[in-house]
Each structure stands twice: as C-alpha cells, then as structure tokens.
C-alpha cells in the first residue's frame, strides 16, 4: 500500500485565481484537486485549504475509491483505491465541497 500524491488546482480554475470558490448560496466552498492513480489499497489523504473547515462531500471523476467522510464532516479526507489505475501516471480529478471557515 502506497501513499499517493495530490495537487490542489483550485487557483488554476478560479476566475482570476480569486478564492474561495463558493458553492450555491449555503455558505459552502468548493476546491479542486488532481490525484495520482495507483493500485488497490493505495491511499491519498487530502487536507483542504484554510477556506474549508469541514468536508461534506467528495466527488471523483473516474477514480474508484472509498472515502472516510462521516455525516458530520471531516477536516481531511482519505481516499482508498478499490480498483487499479492503468498506471501511476494516471491523474484523477477530485472535487471537495465543504463548510466555509468561520
């Protein structure tokens, strides 16, 4: 089991690089990441920026992984691969939605 890398690409997506990116009108923020592919059992632990106080949802593109998000939210998320990527050079897009830091 390996610990895989991630890159926060939120500022590259934000209009003018201005943060935080808001989600709806409920005081939620959204952040975007690229995560490295791996094999079954590999993990990626993502800690969001200071704008997000509690992760409420994890949305993954084609990544086949479980997460540890509870119904009351988490301050970080651990993605555990349940299927292998074609290679570790494969990158997945992951979106986190969470509460805005008070």
C-alpha atoms as a PDB file:
ATOM      1  CA  UNK A   1       0.000   0.000   0.000  1.00  0.00           C
ATOM      2  CA  UNK A   2       1.435   3.368  -1.052  1.00  0.00           C
ATOM      3  CA  UNK A   3       0.559   6.917  -0.130  1.00  0.00           C
ATOM      4  CA  UNK A   4      -0.111   8.823  -3.333  1.00  0.00           C
ATOM      5  CA  UNK A   5       0.350  12.491  -4.166  1.00  0.00           C
ATOM      6  CA  UNK A   6      -2.269  15.139  -4.818  1.00  0.00           C
ATOM      7  CA  UNK A   7      -2.152  18.693  -6.176  1.00  0.00           C
ATOM      8  CA  UNK A   8      -4.566  21.475  -5.277  1.00  0.00           C
ATOM      9  CA  UNK A   9      -5.524  23.095  -8.598  1.00  0.00           C
ATOM     10  CA  UNK A  10      -8.253  25.379  -7.234  1.00  0.00           C
ATOM     11  CA  UNK A  11      -6.469  28.641  -8.057  1.00  0.00           C
ATOM     12  CA  UNK A  12      -5.920  27.449 -11.648  1.00  0.00           C
ATOM     13  CA  UNK A  13      -9.688  27.018 -12.050  1.00  0.00           C
ATOM     14  CA  UNK A  14     -10.929  30.032 -10.050  1.00  0.00           C
ATOM     15  CA  UNK A  15     -11.800  33.086 -12.156  1.00  0.00           C
ATOM     16  CA  UNK A  16      -8.784  35.359 -11.789  1.00  0.00           C
ATOM     17  CA  UNK A  17      -7.354  32.975  -9.203  1.00  0.00           C
ATOM     18  CA  UNK A  18      -9.625  34.526  -6.560  1.00  0.00           C
ATOM     19  CA  UNK A  19     -10.520  32.240  -3.652  1.00  0.00           C
ATOM     20  CA  UNK A  20     -12.593  30.823  -2.175  1.00  0.00           C
ATOM     21  CA  UNK A  21     -14.871  29.431  -4.857  1.00  0.00           C
ATOM     22  CA  UNK A  22     -18.394  29.351  -3.436  1.00  0.00           C
ATOM     23  CA  UNK A  23     -20.905  26.565  -3.960  1.00  0.00           C
ATOM     24  CA  UNK A  24     -24.558  27.591  -4.092  1.00  0.00           C
ATOM     25  CA  UNK A  25     -25.859  30.057  -1.536  1.00  0.00           C
ATOM     26  CA  UNK A  26     -25.470  27.907   1.569  1.00  0.00           C
ATOM     27  CA  UNK A  27     -22.051  29.095   2.748  1.00  0.00           C
ATOM     28  CA  UNK A  28     -20.286  26.149   1.134  1.00  0.00           C
ATOM     29  CA  UNK A  29     -16.970  26.297  -0.720  1.00  0.00           C
ATOM     30  CA  UNK A  30     -15.509  24.026  -3.379  1.00  0.00           C
ATOM     31  CA  UNK A  31     -11.908  23.001  -4.049  1.00  0.00           C
ATOM     32  CA  UNK A  32     -10.430  21.046  -6.956  1.00  0.00           C
ATOM     33  CA  UNK A  33      -7.589  18.518  -6.856  1.00  0.00           C
ATOM     34  CA  UNK A  34      -5.629  16.188  -9.131  1.00  0.00           C
ATOM     35  CA  UNK A  35      -4.792  12.849  -7.500  1.00  0.00           C
ATOM     36  CA  UNK A  36      -2.285  10.267  -8.664  1.00  0.00           C
ATOM     37  CA  UNK A  37      -3.528   6.866  -9.794  1.00  0.00           C
ATOM     38  CA  UNK A  38      -2.420   3.700  -8.079  1.00  0.00           C
ATOM     39  CA  UNK A  39      -3.292   0.124  -7.219  1.00  0.00           C
ATOM     40  CA  UNK A  40      -5.835  -1.426  -4.871  1.00  0.00           C
ATOM     41  CA  UNK A  41      -5.181  -0.328  -1.286  1.00  0.00           C
ATOM     42  CA  UNK A  42      -3.170   2.791  -2.154  1.00  0.00           C
ATOM     43  CA  UNK A  43      -4.329   5.934  -0.348  1.00  0.00           C
ATOM     44  CA  UNK A  44      -4.410   9.681  -0.875  1.00  0.00           C
ATOM     45  CA  UNK A  45      -5.002  11.958   2.108  1.00  0.00           C
ATOM     46  CA  UNK A  46      -6.261  15.412   1.138  1.00  0.00           C
ATOM     47  CA  UNK A  47      -6.248  18.306   3.590  1.00  0.00           C
ATOM     48  CA  UNK A  48      -8.184  21.265   2.173  1.00  0.00           C
ATOM     49  CA  UNK A  49      -7.060  24.888   2.322  1.00  0.00           C
ATOM     50  CA  UNK A  50      -7.804  27.245   5.179  1.00  0.00           C
ATOM     51  CA  UNK A  51     -11.054  28.301   3.464  1.00  0.00           C
ATOM     52  CA  UNK A  52     -12.759  24.959   4.190  1.00  0.00           C
ATOM     53  CA  UNK A  53     -13.475  23.999   7.799  1.00  0.00           C
ATOM     54  CA  UNK A  54     -15.296  20.708   7.251  1.00  0.00           C
ATOM     55  CA  UNK A  55     -15.520  18.476   4.169  1.00  0.00           C
ATOM     56  CA  UNK A  56     -19.111  17.430   3.445  1.00  0.00           C
ATOM     57  CA  UNK A  57     -18.834  15.782   0.010  1.00  0.00           C
ATOM     58  CA  UNK A  58     -16.161  14.204  -2.176  1.00  0.00           C
ATOM     59  CA  UNK A  59     -16.809  13.973  -5.908  1.00  0.00           C
ATOM     60  CA  UNK A  60     -14.384  11.951  -8.023  1.00  0.00           C
ATOM     61  CA  UNK A  61     -14.110  11.814 -11.789  1.00  0.00           C
ATOM     62  CA  UNK A  62     -13.097   8.283 -12.774  1.00  0.00           C
ATOM     63  CA  UNK A  63     -11.303   7.422  -9.542  1.00  0.00           C
ATOM     64  CA  UNK A  64     -12.622   4.231  -7.968  1.00  0.00           C
ATOM     65  CA  UNK A  65     -12.038   4.803  -4.275  1.00  0.00           C
ATOM     66  CA  UNK A  66     -13.775   4.848  -0.942  1.00  0.00           C
ATOM     67  CA  UNK A  67     -13.632   7.831   1.406  1.00  0.00           C
ATOM     68  CA  UNK A  68     -13.838   8.301   5.152  1.00  0.00           C
ATOM     69  CA  UNK A  69     -16.287  11.215   5.233  1.00  0.00           C
ATOM     70  CA  UNK A  70     -18.745  10.993   8.117  1.00  0.00           C
ATOM     71  CA  UNK A  71     -22.207  12.557   8.162  1.00  0.00           C
ATOM     72  CA  UNK A  72     -20.871  15.311  10.418  1.00  0.00           C
ATOM     73  CA  UNK A  73     -17.946  16.120   8.100  1.00  0.00           C
ATOM     74  CA  UNK A  74     -14.171  15.765   8.330  1.00  0.00           C
ATOM     75  CA  UNK A  75     -11.196  18.125   8.309  1.00  0.00           C
ATOM     76  CA  UNK A  76      -9.387  15.846   5.833  1.00  0.00           C
ATOM     77  CA  UNK A  77     -10.341  13.006   3.527  1.00  0.00           C
ATOM     78  CA  UNK A  78      -8.604   9.684   2.914  1.00  0.00           C
ATOM     79  CA  UNK A  79      -9.304   8.131  -0.491  1.00  0.00           C
ATOM     80  CA  UNK A  80      -8.524   4.406  -0.647  1.00  0.00           C
ATOM     81  CA  UNK A  81      -8.296   2.861  -4.122  1.00  0.00           C
ATOM     82  CA  UNK A  82     -10.584  -0.128  -4.626  1.00  0.00           C
ATOM     83  CA  UNK A  83      -9.562  -0.604  -8.279  1.00  0.00           C
ATOM     84  CA  UNK A  84      -6.214  -0.198 -10.009  1.00  0.00           C
ATOM     85  CA  UNK A  85      -5.406   2.582 -12.443  1.00  0.00           C
ATOM     86  CA  UNK A  86      -3.720   1.760 -15.733  1.00  0.00           C
ATOM     87  CA  UNK A  87      -0.524   3.261 -14.278  1.00  0.00           C
ATOM     88  CA  UNK A  88       0.607   5.691 -11.603  1.00  0.00           C
ATOM     89  CA  UNK A  89       0.937   8.349 -14.322  1.00  0.00           C
ATOM     90  CA  UNK A  90      -2.880   8.477 -14.490  1.00  0.00           C
ATOM     91  CA  UNK A  91      -4.357  11.501 -12.695  1.00  0.00           C
ATOM     92  CA  UNK A  92      -7.898  11.795 -11.363  1.00  0.00           C
ATOM     93  CA  UNK A  93      -9.924  14.913 -10.733  1.00  0.00           C
ATOM     94  CA  UNK A  94     -11.424  15.159  -7.256  1.00  0.00           C
ATOM     95  CA  UNK A  95     -13.744  17.897  -6.006  1.00  0.00           C
ATOM     96  CA  UNK A  96     -14.308  18.652  -2.319  1.00  0.00           C
ATOM     97  CA  UNK A  97     -17.358  20.544  -1.081  1.00  0.00           C
ATOM     98  CA  UNK A  98     -17.371  21.790   2.480  1.00  0.00           C
ATOM     99  CA  UNK A  99     -18.336  24.392   5.010  1.00  0.00           C
ATOM    100  CA  UNK A 100     -16.703  27.787   4.816  1.00  0.00           C
ATOM    101  CA  UNK A 101     -14.191  28.527   7.555  1.00  0.00           C
ATOM    102  CA  UNK A 102     -15.881  30.765  10.140  1.00  0.00           C
END
